[in-house]
């Protein structure tokens, strides 16, 4: 069993895997995974990430824009209505989430969870 301190050390250093095929993700509830996927579909994968179970969104490319924290569907709906065109164009990108393949998602070949 991992202690919180050990988990944080892994997640702080996971940036070193950025150009590899290895991916480390947090273990999230089904509801948070659904919110995360909707946020990534709207804002783009590079603008949405998780930290300590919270979903963080950088709504646009402006350096001055603050990061938005989302934990519920209602908060995500508020963010998507405030930034209706927050998404990058991902129409022709194929991605696997779990065992299903669909468009508008990104390809993740190797997947590890904590």
PDB file of N, CA and C in Angstrom:
ATOM      1  N   UNK A   1       0.836  -1.176   0.000  1.00  0.00           N
ATOM      2  CA  UNK A   1       0.000   0.000   0.000  1.00  0.00           C
ATOM      3  C   UNK A   1       0.889   1.251   0.000  1.00  0.00           C
ATOM      4  N   UNK A   2       0.569   2.175  -0.866  1.00  0.00           N
ATOM      5  CA  UNK A   2       1.346   3.405  -0.974  1.00  0.00           C
ATOM      6  C   UNK A   2       0.883   4.436   0.038  1.00  0.00           C
ATOM      7  N   UNK A   3       1.834   5.146   0.586  1.00  0.00           N
ATOM      8  CA  UNK A   3       1.497   6.275   1.434  1.00  0.00           C
ATOM      9  C   UNK A   3       1.286   7.492   0.543  1.00  0.00           C
ATOM     10  N   UNK A   4       0.577   8.474   1.067  1.00  0.00           N
ATOM     11  CA  UNK A   4       0.289   9.679   0.302  1.00  0.00           C
ATOM     12  C   UNK A   4       1.583  10.353  -0.165  1.00  0.00           C
ATOM     13  N   UNK A   5       2.568  10.426   0.696  1.00  0.00           N
ATOM     14  CA  UNK A   5       3.845  11.058   0.355  1.00  0.00           C
ATOM     15  C   UNK A   5       4.500  10.362  -0.843  1.00  0.00           C
ATOM     16  N   UNK A   6       4.462   9.023  -0.857  1.00  0.00           N
ATOM     17  CA  UNK A   6       5.049   8.269  -1.965  1.00  0.00           C
ATOM     18  C   UNK A   6       4.279   8.514  -3.262  1.00  0.00           C
ATOM     19  N   UNK A   7       2.962   8.537  -3.160  1.00  0.00           N
ATOM     20  CA  UNK A   7       2.124   8.796  -4.337  1.00  0.00           C
ATOM     21  C   UNK A   7       2.431  10.181  -4.909  1.00  0.00           C
ATOM     22  N   UNK A   8       2.533  11.194  -4.051  1.00  0.00           N
ATOM     23  CA  UNK A   8       2.833  12.550  -4.507  1.00  0.00           C
ATOM     24  C   UNK A   8       4.189  12.596  -5.213  1.00  0.00           C
ATOM     25  N   UNK A   9       5.172  11.864  -4.680  1.00  0.00           N
ATOM     26  CA  UNK A   9       6.501  11.839  -5.303  1.00  0.00           C
ATOM     27  C   UNK A   9       6.425  11.266  -6.712  1.00  0.00           C
ATOM     28  N   UNK A  10       5.632  10.223  -6.899  1.00  0.00           N
ATOM     29  CA  UNK A  10       5.463   9.622  -8.227  1.00  0.00           C
ATOM     30  C   UNK A  10       4.810  10.622  -9.172  1.00  0.00           C
ATOM     31  N   UNK A  11       3.741  11.277  -8.722  1.00  0.00           N
ATOM     32  CA  UNK A  11       3.021  12.196  -9.595  1.00  0.00           C
ATOM     33  C   UNK A  11       3.810  13.464  -9.898  1.00  0.00           C
ATOM     34  N   UNK A  12       4.635  13.905  -8.969  1.00  0.00           N
ATOM     35  CA  UNK A  12       5.482  15.067  -9.239  1.00  0.00           C
ATOM     36  C   UNK A  12       6.509  14.729 -10.318  1.00  0.00           C
ATOM     37  N   UNK A  13       7.015  13.506 -10.314  1.00  0.00           N
ATOM     38  CA  UNK A  13       8.056  13.103 -11.258  1.00  0.00           C
ATOM     39  C   UNK A  13       7.529  12.480 -12.546  1.00  0.00           C
ATOM     40  N   UNK A  14       6.219  12.334 -12.694  1.00  0.00           N
ATOM     41  CA  UNK A  14       5.690  11.687 -13.895  1.00  0.00           C
ATOM     42  C   UNK A  14       5.918  12.516 -15.157  1.00  0.00           C
ATOM     43  N   UNK A  15       6.230  13.797 -15.009  1.00  0.00           N
ATOM     44  CA  UNK A  15       6.537  14.639 -16.170  1.00  0.00           C
ATOM     45  C   UNK A  15       7.716  14.084 -16.962  1.00  0.00           C
ATOM     46  N   UNK A  16       8.590  13.356 -16.293  1.00  0.00           N
ATOM     47  CA  UNK A  16       9.763  12.790 -16.955  1.00  0.00           C
ATOM     48  C   UNK A  16       9.379  11.722 -17.978  1.00  0.00           C
ATOM     49  N   UNK A  17       8.159  11.218 -17.916  1.00  0.00           N
ATOM     50  CA  UNK A  17       7.682  10.203 -18.857  1.00  0.00           C
ATOM     51  C   UNK A  17       6.965  10.820 -20.052  1.00  0.00           C
ATOM     52  N   UNK A  18       6.943  12.134 -20.156  1.00  0.00           N
ATOM     53  CA  UNK A  18       6.124  12.828 -21.145  1.00  0.00           C
ATOM     54  C   UNK A  18       6.303  12.328 -22.578  1.00  0.00           C
ATOM     55  N   UNK A  19       7.500  12.045 -23.025  1.00  0.00           N
ATOM     56  CA  UNK A  19       7.719  11.609 -24.407  1.00  0.00           C
ATOM     57  C   UNK A  19       7.836  10.097 -24.544  1.00  0.00           C
ATOM     58  N   UNK A  20       7.468   9.373 -23.516  1.00  0.00           N
ATOM     59  CA  UNK A  20       7.496   7.910 -23.590  1.00  0.00           C
ATOM     60  C   UNK A  20       6.074   7.391 -23.795  1.00  0.00           C
ATOM     61  N   UNK A  21       5.938   6.101 -23.941  1.00  0.00           N
ATOM     62  CA  UNK A  21       4.616   5.506 -24.114  1.00  0.00           C
ATOM     63  C   UNK A  21       3.998   5.117 -22.776  1.00  0.00           C
ATOM     64  N   UNK A  22       4.656   5.430 -21.682  1.00  0.00           N
ATOM     65  CA  UNK A  22       4.149   5.115 -20.353  1.00  0.00           C
ATOM     66  C   UNK A  22       3.259   6.248 -19.856  1.00  0.00           C
ATOM     67  N   UNK A  23       2.149   5.893 -19.238  1.00  0.00           N
ATOM     68  CA  UNK A  23       1.219   6.878 -18.705  1.00  0.00           C
ATOM     69  C   UNK A  23       0.879   6.492 -17.275  1.00  0.00           C
ATOM     70  N   UNK A  24       0.930   7.454 -16.384  1.00  0.00           N
ATOM     71  CA  UNK A  24       0.522   7.232 -14.999  1.00  0.00           C
ATOM     72  C   UNK A  24      -0.679   8.124 -14.749  1.00  0.00           C
ATOM     73  N   UNK A  25      -1.772   7.529 -14.298  1.00  0.00           N
ATOM     74  CA  UNK A  25      -2.976   8.304 -14.023  1.00  0.00           C
ATOM     75  C   UNK A  25      -3.462   8.022 -12.612  1.00  0.00           C
ATOM     76  N   UNK A  26      -4.240   8.956 -12.099  1.00  0.00           N
ATOM     77  CA  UNK A  26      -4.835   8.773 -10.784  1.00  0.00           C
ATOM     78  C   UNK A  26      -6.024   7.833 -10.888  1.00  0.00           C
ATOM     79  N   UNK A  27      -6.313   7.173  -9.800  1.00  0.00           N
ATOM     80  CA  UNK A  27      -7.511   6.356  -9.714  1.00  0.00           C
ATOM     81  C   UNK A  27      -8.663   7.280  -9.336  1.00  0.00           C
ATOM     82  N   UNK A  28      -9.644   7.401 -10.229  1.00  0.00           N
ATOM     83  CA  UNK A  28     -10.778   8.297 -10.011  1.00  0.00           C
ATOM     84  C   UNK A  28     -12.069   7.498  -9.939  1.00  0.00           C
ATOM     85  N   UNK A  29     -13.096   8.081  -9.329  1.00  0.00           N
ATOM     86  CA  UNK A  29     -14.415   7.455  -9.318  1.00  0.00           C
ATOM     87  C   UNK A  29     -14.986   7.487 -10.731  1.00  0.00           C
ATOM     88  N   UNK A  30     -16.003   6.678 -10.976  1.00  0.00           N
ATOM     89  CA  UNK A  30     -16.639   6.659 -12.301  1.00  0.00           C
ATOM     90  C   UNK A  30     -17.183   8.035 -12.667  1.00  0.00           C
ATOM     91  N   UNK A  31     -17.751   8.732 -11.692  1.00  0.00           N
ATOM     92  CA  UNK A  31     -18.304  10.062 -11.948  1.00  0.00           C
ATOM     93  C   UNK A  31     -17.193  11.040 -12.334  1.00  0.00           C
ATOM     94  N   UNK A  32     -16.083  11.015 -11.619  1.00  0.00           N
ATOM     95  CA  UNK A  32     -14.978  11.922 -11.936  1.00  0.00           C
ATOM     96  C   UNK A  32     -14.354  11.586 -13.286  1.00  0.00           C
ATOM     97  N   UNK A  33     -14.284  10.306 -13.631  1.00  0.00           N
ATOM     98  CA  UNK A  33     -13.762   9.919 -14.948  1.00  0.00           C
ATOM     99  C   UNK A  33     -14.662  10.470 -16.047  1.00  0.00           C
ATOM    100  N   UNK A  34     -15.977  10.376 -15.852  1.00  0.00           N
ATOM    101  CA  UNK A  34     -16.920  10.907 -16.844  1.00  0.00           C
ATOM    102  C   UNK A  34     -16.754  12.422 -16.990  1.00  0.00           C
ATOM    103  N   UNK A  35     -16.609  13.118 -15.865  1.00  0.00           N
ATOM    104  CA  UNK A  35     -16.410  14.571 -15.904  1.00  0.00           C
ATOM    105  C   UNK A  35     -15.089  14.905 -16.591  1.00  0.00           C
ATOM    106  N   UNK A  36     -14.035  14.166 -16.263  1.00  0.00           N
ATOM    107  CA  UNK A  36     -12.720  14.372 -16.879  1.00  0.00           C
ATOM    108  C   UNK A  36     -12.793  14.196 -18.391  1.00  0.00           C
ATOM    109  N   UNK A  37     -13.445  13.134 -18.848  1.00  0.00           N
ATOM    110  CA  UNK A  37     -13.548  12.877 -20.287  1.00  0.00           C
ATOM    111  C   UNK A  37     -14.343  13.966 -20.998  1.00  0.00           C
ATOM    112  N   UNK A  38     -15.433  14.432 -20.385  1.00  0.00           N
ATOM    113  CA  UNK A  38     -16.217  15.518 -20.991  1.00  0.00           C
ATOM    114  C   UNK A  38     -15.396  16.805 -21.062  1.00  0.00           C
ATOM    115  N   UNK A  39     -14.649  17.073 -20.010  1.00  0.00           N
ATOM    116  CA  UNK A  39     -13.807  18.276 -20.000  1.00  0.00           C
ATOM    117  C   UNK A  39     -12.730  18.188 -21.074  1.00  0.00           C
ATOM    118  N   UNK A  40     -12.112  17.018 -21.228  1.00  0.00           N
ATOM    119  CA  UNK A  40     -11.080  16.844 -22.260  1.00  0.00           C
ATOM    120  C   UNK A  40     -11.671  16.955 -23.656  1.00  0.00           C
ATOM    121  N   UNK A  41     -12.885  16.461 -23.844  1.00  0.00           N
ATOM    122  CA  UNK A  41     -13.539  16.587 -25.147  1.00  0.00           C
ATOM    123  C   UNK A  41     -13.792  18.057 -25.486  1.00  0.00           C
ATOM    124  N   UNK A  42     -14.153  18.853 -24.482  1.00  0.00           N
ATOM    125  CA  UNK A  42     -14.483  20.254 -24.729  1.00  0.00           C
ATOM    126  C   UNK A  42     -13.238  21.145 -24.819  1.00  0.00           C
ATOM    127  N   UNK A  43     -12.332  21.010 -23.865  1.00  0.00           N
ATOM    128  CA  UNK A  43     -11.188  21.920 -23.773  1.00  0.00           C
ATOM    129  C   UNK A  43      -9.920  21.390 -24.428  1.00  0.00           C
ATOM    130  N   UNK A  44      -9.865  20.097 -24.695  1.00  0.00           N
ATOM    131  CA  UNK A  44      -8.656  19.501 -25.254  1.00  0.00           C
ATOM    132  C   UNK A  44      -7.831  18.835 -24.169  1.00  0.00           C
ATOM    133  N   UNK A  45      -7.190  17.760 -24.539  1.00  0.00           N
ATOM    134  CA  UNK A  45      -6.440  16.939 -23.586  1.00  0.00           C
ATOM    135  C   UNK A  45      -5.306  17.700 -22.894  1.00  0.00           C
ATOM    136  N   UNK A  46      -4.635  18.585 -23.632  1.00  0.00           N
ATOM    137  CA  UNK A  46      -3.496  19.288 -23.052  1.00  0.00           C
ATOM    138  C   UNK A  46      -3.899  20.375 -22.062  1.00  0.00           C
ATOM    139  N   UNK A  47      -5.170  20.713 -21.997  1.00  0.00           N
ATOM    140  CA  UNK A  47      -5.637  21.754 -21.082  1.00  0.00           C
ATOM    141  C   UNK A  47      -6.388  21.201 -19.877  1.00  0.00           C
ATOM    142  N   UNK A  48      -6.498  19.888 -19.775  1.00  0.00           N
ATOM    143  CA  UNK A  48      -7.244  19.278 -18.667  1.00  0.00           C
ATOM    144  C   UNK A  48      -6.385  18.196 -18.029  1.00  0.00           C
ATOM    145  N   UNK A  49      -6.274  18.214 -16.717  1.00  0.00           N
ATOM    146  CA  UNK A  49      -5.503  17.201 -16.001  1.00  0.00           C
ATOM    147  C   UNK A  49      -6.096  17.029 -14.608  1.00  0.00           C
ATOM    148  N   UNK A  50      -5.576  16.073 -13.842  1.00  0.00           N
ATOM    149  CA  UNK A  50      -6.050  15.855 -12.476  1.00  0.00           C
ATOM    150  C   UNK A  50      -4.909  16.058 -11.493  1.00  0.00           C
ATOM    151  N   UNK A  51      -5.287  16.410 -10.277  1.00  0.00           N
ATOM    152  CA  UNK A  51      -4.337  16.540  -9.179  1.00  0.00           C
ATOM    153  C   UNK A  51      -5.090  16.263  -7.887  1.00  0.00           C
ATOM    154  N   UNK A  52      -4.673  15.242  -7.177  1.00  0.00           N
ATOM    155  CA  UNK A  52      -5.322  14.835  -5.926  1.00  0.00           C
ATOM    156  C   UNK A  52      -6.823  14.603  -6.099  1.00  0.00           C
ATOM    157  N   UNK A  53      -7.221  14.014  -7.205  1.00  0.00           N
ATOM    158  CA  UNK A  53      -8.622  13.678  -7.437  1.00  0.00           C
ATOM    159  C   UNK A  53      -9.463  14.816  -7.978  1.00  0.00           C
ATOM    160  N   UNK A  54      -8.894  16.010  -8.075  1.00  0.00           N
ATOM    161  CA  UNK A  54      -9.615  17.159  -8.617  1.00  0.00           C
ATOM    162  C   UNK A  54      -9.265  17.318 -10.088  1.00  0.00           C
ATOM    163  N   UNK A  55     -10.215  17.793 -10.861  1.00  0.00           N
ATOM    164  CA  UNK A  55     -10.010  18.019 -12.289  1.00  0.00           C
ATOM    165  C   UNK A  55      -9.672  19.493 -12.479  1.00  0.00           C
ATOM    166  N   UNK A  56      -8.551  19.749 -13.131  1.00  0.00           N
ATOM    167  CA  UNK A  56      -8.085  21.113 -13.352  1.00  0.00           C
ATOM    168  C   UNK A  56      -8.149  21.429 -14.836  1.00  0.00           C
ATOM    169  N   UNK A  57      -8.614  22.639 -15.155  1.00  0.00           N
ATOM    170  CA  UNK A  57      -8.788  23.059 -16.546  1.00  0.00           C
ATOM    171  C   UNK A  57      -8.097  24.398 -16.749  1.00  0.00           C
ATOM    172  N   UNK A  58      -7.299  24.486 -17.800  1.00  0.00           N
ATOM    173  CA  UNK A  58      -6.758  25.767 -18.263  1.00  0.00           C
ATOM    174  C   UNK A  58      -7.625  26.129 -19.465  1.00  0.00           C
ATOM    175  N   UNK A  59      -8.664  26.973 -19.277  1.00  0.00           N
ATOM    176  CA  UNK A  59      -9.699  27.170 -20.297  1.00  0.00           C
ATOM    177  C   UNK A  59      -9.217  27.695 -21.637  1.00  0.00           C
ATOM    178  N   UNK A  60      -8.168  28.510 -21.660  1.00  0.00           N
ATOM    179  CA  UNK A  60      -7.669  29.006 -22.938  1.00  0.00           C
ATOM    180  C   UNK A  60      -6.149  29.084 -22.884  1.00  0.00           C
ATOM    181  N   UNK A  61      -5.548  29.478 -23.970  1.00  0.00           N
ATOM    182  CA  UNK A  61      -4.098  29.492 -24.060  1.00  0.00           C
ATOM    183  C   UNK A  61      -3.436  30.718 -23.452  1.00  0.00           C
ATOM    184  N   UNK A  62      -4.221  31.634 -22.917  1.00  0.00           N
ATOM    185  CA  UNK A  62      -3.649  32.853 -22.349  1.00  0.00           C
ATOM    186  C   UNK A  62      -2.944  32.558 -21.030  1.00  0.00           C
ATOM    187  N   UNK A  63      -1.689  32.988 -20.880  1.00  0.00           N
ATOM    188  CA  UNK A  63      -0.962  32.725 -19.642  1.00  0.00           C
ATOM    189  C   UNK A  63      -1.621  33.347 -18.415  1.00  0.00           C
ATOM    190  N   UNK A  64      -2.362  34.430 -18.581  1.00  0.00           N
ATOM    191  CA  UNK A  64      -2.996  35.100 -17.450  1.00  0.00           C
ATOM    192  C   UNK A  64      -4.276  34.449 -16.961  1.00  0.00           C
ATOM    193  N   UNK A  65      -4.832  33.524 -17.730  1.00  0.00           N
ATOM    194  CA  UNK A  65      -6.082  32.876 -17.340  1.00  0.00           C
ATOM    195  C   UNK A  65      -5.828  31.905 -16.199  1.00  0.00           C
ATOM    196  N   UNK A  66      -6.632  32.014 -15.147  1.00  0.00           N
ATOM    197  CA  UNK A  66      -6.469  31.134 -13.997  1.00  0.00           C
ATOM    198  C   UNK A  66      -6.983  29.739 -14.305  1.00  0.00           C
ATOM    199  N   UNK A  67      -6.417  28.769 -13.622  1.00  0.00           N
ATOM    200  CA  UNK A  67      -6.857  27.385 -13.738  1.00  0.00           C
ATOM    201  C   UNK A  67      -8.175  27.227 -12.988  1.00  0.00           C
ATOM    202  N   UNK A  68      -9.115  26.501 -13.582  1.00  0.00           N
ATOM    203  CA  UNK A  68     -10.423  26.252 -12.985  1.00  0.00           C
ATOM    204  C   UNK A  68     -10.428  24.843 -12.404  1.00  0.00           C
ATOM    205  N   UNK A  69     -10.880  24.702 -11.159  1.00  0.00           N
ATOM    206  CA  UNK A  69     -11.005  23.395 -10.522  1.00  0.00           C
ATOM    207  C   UNK A  69     -12.446  22.932 -10.637  1.00  0.00           C
ATOM    208  N   UNK A  70     -12.628  21.694 -11.117  1.00  0.00           N
ATOM    209  CA  UNK A  70     -13.958  21.130 -11.332  1.00  0.00           C
ATOM    210  C   UNK A  70     -14.054  19.808 -10.579  1.00  0.00           C
ATOM    211  N   UNK A  71     -15.115  19.642  -9.796  1.00  0.00           N
ATOM    212  CA  UNK A  71     -15.325  18.372  -9.096  1.00  0.00           C
ATOM    213  C   UNK A  71     -16.716  17.793  -9.334  1.00  0.00           C
ATOM    214  N   UNK A  72     -17.616  18.593  -9.936  1.00  0.00           N
ATOM    215  CA  UNK A  72     -18.977  18.119 -10.189  1.00  0.00           C
ATOM    216  C   UNK A  72     -19.386  18.432 -11.626  1.00  0.00           C
ATOM    217  N   UNK A  73     -20.427  17.765 -12.086  1.00  0.00           N
ATOM    218  CA  UNK A  73     -20.967  18.019 -13.422  1.00  0.00           C
ATOM    219  C   UNK A  73     -21.455  19.459 -13.535  1.00  0.00           C
ATOM    220  N   UNK A  74     -22.063  19.965 -12.488  1.00  0.00           N
ATOM    221  CA  UNK A  74     -22.572  21.345 -12.496  1.00  0.00           C
ATOM    222  C   UNK A  74     -21.429  22.354 -12.685  1.00  0.00           C
ATOM    223  N   UNK A  75     -20.302  22.114 -12.018  1.00  0.00           N
ATOM    224  CA  UNK A  75     -19.145  23.001 -12.182  1.00  0.00           C
ATOM    225  C   UNK A  75     -18.584  22.920 -13.601  1.00  0.00           C
ATOM    226  N   UNK A  76     -18.572  21.724 -14.183  1.00  0.00           N
ATOM    227  CA  UNK A  76     -18.107  21.582 -15.566  1.00  0.00           C
ATOM    228  C   UNK A  76     -19.040  22.309 -16.523  1.00  0.00           C
ATOM    229  N   UNK A  77     -20.350  22.195 -16.316  1.00  0.00           N
ATOM    230  CA  UNK A  77     -21.311  22.894 -17.168  1.00  0.00           C
ATOM    231  C   UNK A  77     -21.109  24.404 -17.085  1.00  0.00           C
ATOM    232  N   UNK A  78     -20.823  24.915 -15.891  1.00  0.00           N
ATOM    233  CA  UNK A  78     -20.556  26.350 -15.734  1.00  0.00           C
ATOM    234  C   UNK A  78     -19.301  26.749 -16.505  1.00  0.00           C
ATOM    235  N   UNK A  79     -18.273  25.918 -16.452  1.00  0.00           N
ATOM    236  CA  UNK A  79     -17.025  26.218 -17.169  1.00  0.00           C
ATOM    237  C   UNK A  79     -17.229  26.165 -18.675  1.00  0.00           C
ATOM    238  N   UNK A  80     -17.965  25.162 -19.170  1.00  0.00           N
ATOM    239  CA  UNK A  80     -18.167  25.057 -20.619  1.00  0.00           C
ATOM    240  C   UNK A  80     -19.072  26.169 -21.134  1.00  0.00           C
ATOM    241  N   UNK A  81     -20.000  26.668 -20.307  1.00  0.00           N
ATOM    242  CA  UNK A  81     -20.833  27.783 -20.761  1.00  0.00           C
ATOM    243  C   UNK A  81     -20.044  29.095 -20.724  1.00  0.00           C
ATOM    244  N   UNK A  82     -19.107  29.209 -19.787  1.00  0.00           N
ATOM    245  CA  UNK A  82     -18.277  30.415 -19.721  1.00  0.00           C
ATOM    246  C   UNK A  82     -17.258  30.458 -20.855  1.00  0.00           C
ATOM    247  N   UNK A  83     -16.729  29.296 -21.238  1.00  0.00           N
ATOM    248  CA  UNK A  83     -15.772  29.180 -22.341  1.00  0.00           C
ATOM    249  C   UNK A  83     -16.342  28.209 -23.373  1.00  0.00           C
ATOM    250  N   UNK A  84     -17.342  28.631 -24.168  1.00  0.00           N
ATOM    251  CA  UNK A  84     -18.018  27.701 -25.082  1.00  0.00           C
ATOM    252  C   UNK A  84     -17.134  27.174 -26.206  1.00  0.00           C
ATOM    253  N   UNK A  85     -16.087  27.879 -26.555  1.00  0.00           N
ATOM    254  CA  UNK A  85     -15.211  27.433 -27.643  1.00  0.00           C
ATOM    255  C   UNK A  85     -13.831  27.089 -27.108  1.00  0.00           C
ATOM    256  N   UNK A  86     -13.790  26.441 -25.955  1.00  0.00           N
ATOM    257  CA  UNK A  86     -12.525  26.124 -25.312  1.00  0.00           C
ATOM    258  C   UNK A  86     -11.789  24.975 -25.946  1.00  0.00           C
ATOM    259  N   UNK A  87     -12.434  24.251 -26.840  1.00  0.00           N
ATOM    260  CA  UNK A  87     -11.852  23.033 -27.393  1.00  0.00           C
ATOM    261  C   UNK A  87     -10.914  23.312 -28.548  1.00  0.00           C
ATOM    262  N   UNK A  88      -9.894  22.474 -28.640  1.00  0.00           N
ATOM    263  CA  UNK A  88      -9.083  22.442 -29.850  1.00  0.00           C
ATOM    264  C   UNK A  88      -9.779  21.501 -30.815  1.00  0.00           C
ATOM    265  N   UNK A  89      -9.444  21.557 -32.089  1.00  0.00           N
ATOM    266  CA  UNK A  89     -10.086  20.687 -33.070  1.00  0.00           C
ATOM    267  C   UNK A  89      -9.530  19.274 -32.953  1.00  0.00           C
ATOM    268  N   UNK A  90     -10.371  18.340 -32.501  1.00  0.00           N
ATOM    269  CA  UNK A  90      -9.943  16.946 -32.338  1.00  0.00           C
ATOM    270  C   UNK A  90     -10.831  16.001 -33.135  1.00  0.00           C
ATOM    271  N   UNK A  91     -11.439  16.469 -34.191  1.00  0.00           N
ATOM    272  CA  UNK A  91     -12.391  15.647 -34.933  1.00  0.00           C
ATOM    273  C   UNK A  91     -11.801  14.382 -35.531  1.00  0.00           C
ATOM    274  N   UNK A  92     -10.593  14.418 -36.032  1.00  0.00           N
ATOM    275  CA  UNK A  92     -10.033  13.267 -36.735  1.00  0.00           C
ATOM    276  C   UNK A  92      -8.991  12.506 -35.927  1.00  0.00           C
ATOM    277  N   UNK A  93      -9.025  12.645 -34.622  1.00  0.00           N
ATOM    278  CA  UNK A  93      -8.084  11.933 -33.766  1.00  0.00           C
ATOM    279  C   UNK A  93      -8.792  10.713 -33.194  1.00  0.00           C
ATOM    280  N   UNK A  94      -8.169   9.545 -33.327  1.00  0.00           N
ATOM    281  CA  UNK A  94      -8.739   8.323 -32.766  1.00  0.00           C
ATOM    282  C   UNK A  94      -8.099   8.033 -31.423  1.00  0.00           C
ATOM    283  N   UNK A  95      -8.929   7.596 -30.481  1.00  0.00           N
ATOM    284  CA  UNK A  95      -8.460   7.359 -29.124  1.00  0.00           C
ATOM    285  C   UNK A  95      -9.131   6.147 -28.536  1.00  0.00           C
ATOM    286  N   UNK A  96      -8.406   5.459 -27.673  1.00  0.00           N
ATOM    287  CA  UNK A  96      -9.002   4.345 -26.942  1.00  0.00           C
ATOM    288  C   UNK A  96      -9.168   4.762 -25.496  1.00  0.00           C
ATOM    289  N   UNK A  97     -10.388   4.673 -24.993  1.00  0.00           N
ATOM    290  CA  UNK A  97     -10.656   4.849 -23.571  1.00  0.00           C
ATOM    291  C   UNK A  97     -11.173   3.518 -23.091  1.00  0.00           C
ATOM    292  N   UNK A  98     -10.439   2.872 -22.243  1.00  0.00           N
ATOM    293  CA  UNK A  98     -10.845   1.542 -21.809  1.00  0.00           C
ATOM    294  C   UNK A  98     -10.729   0.584 -22.967  1.00  0.00           C
ATOM    295  N   UNK A  99     -11.823  -0.090 -23.318  1.00  0.00           N
ATOM    296  CA  UNK A  99     -11.792  -1.059 -24.404  1.00  0.00           C
ATOM    297  C   UNK A  99     -12.517  -0.574 -25.647  1.00  0.00           C
ATOM    298  N   UNK A 100     -13.147   0.604 -25.583  1.00  0.00           N
ATOM    299  CA  UNK A 100     -13.893   1.106 -26.731  1.00  0.00           C
ATOM    300  C   UNK A 100     -13.052   2.105 -27.507  1.00  0.00           C
ATOM    301  N   UNK A 101     -13.205   2.116 -28.827  1.00  0.00           N
ATOM    302  CA  UNK A 101     -12.519   3.084 -29.671  1.00  0.00           C
ATOM    303  C   UNK A 101     -13.552   4.047 -30.233  1.00  0.00           C
ATOM    304  N   UNK A 102     -13.241   5.331 -30.186  1.00  0.00           N
ATOM    305  CA  UNK A 102     -14.146   6.320 -30.754  1.00  0.00           C
ATOM    306  C   UNK A 102     -13.328   7.506 -31.234  1.00  0.00           C
ATOM    307  N   UNK A 103     -13.968   8.420 -31.967  1.00  0.00           N
ATOM    308  CA  UNK A 103     -13.276   9.624 -32.403  1.00  0.00           C
ATOM    309  C   UNK A 103     -13.382  10.681 -31.317  1.00  0.00           C
ATOM    310  N   UNK A 104     -12.656  11.775 -31.509  1.00  0.00           N
ATOM    311  CA  UNK A 104     -12.588  12.887 -30.568  1.00  0.00           C
ATOM    312  C   UNK A 104     -11.893  12.517 -29.271  1.00  0.00           C
ATOM    313  N   UNK A 105     -11.086  11.475 -29.270  1.00  0.00           N
ATOM    314  CA  UNK A 105     -10.343  11.057 -28.097  1.00  0.00           C
ATOM    315  C   UNK A 105      -8.902  10.806 -28.508  1.00  0.00           C
ATOM    316  N   UNK A 106      -7.987  10.780 -27.565  1.00  0.00           N
ATOM    317  CA  UNK A 106      -6.581  10.587 -27.893  1.00  0.00           C
ATOM    318  C   UNK A 106      -6.130   9.173 -27.589  1.00  0.00           C
ATOM    319  N   UNK A 107      -5.123   8.671 -28.327  1.00  0.00           N
ATOM    320  CA  UNK A 107      -4.643   7.303 -28.187  1.00  0.00           C
ATOM    321  C   UNK A 107      -3.715   7.168 -26.991  1.00  0.00           C
ATOM    322  N   UNK A 108      -4.046   6.262 -26.111  1.00  0.00           N
ATOM    323  CA  UNK A 108      -3.203   5.950 -24.965  1.00  0.00           C
ATOM    324  C   UNK A 108      -2.911   4.469 -25.045  1.00  0.00           C
ATOM    325  N   UNK A 109      -1.656   4.115 -25.341  1.00  0.00           N
ATOM    326  CA  UNK A 109      -1.302   2.719 -25.555  1.00  0.00           C
ATOM    327  C   UNK A 109      -1.031   1.977 -24.263  1.00  0.00           C
ATOM    328  N   UNK A 110      -0.256   2.564 -23.368  1.00  0.00           N
ATOM    329  CA  UNK A 110       0.071   1.920 -22.110  1.00  0.00           C
ATOM    330  C   UNK A 110      -0.564   2.722 -20.999  1.00  0.00           C
ATOM    331  N   UNK A 111      -1.233   2.055 -20.075  1.00  0.00           N
ATOM    332  CA  UNK A 111      -1.993   2.765 -19.063  1.00  0.00           C
ATOM    333  C   UNK A 111      -1.744   2.138 -17.700  1.00  0.00           C
ATOM    334  N   UNK A 112      -1.277   2.916 -16.746  1.00  0.00           N
ATOM    335  CA  UNK A 112      -1.084   2.458 -15.373  1.00  0.00           C
ATOM    336  C   UNK A 112      -1.920   3.331 -14.463  1.00  0.00           C
ATOM    337  N   UNK A 113      -2.433   2.767 -13.385  1.00  0.00           N
ATOM    338  CA  UNK A 113      -3.208   3.559 -12.436  1.00  0.00           C
ATOM    339  C   UNK A 113      -2.650   3.414 -11.037  1.00  0.00           C
ATOM    340  N   UNK A 114      -2.858   4.451 -10.243  1.00  0.00           N
ATOM    341  CA  UNK A 114      -2.513   4.431  -8.823  1.00  0.00           C
ATOM    342  C   UNK A 114      -3.765   4.554  -8.038  1.00  0.00           C
TER     343      UNK A 114
END
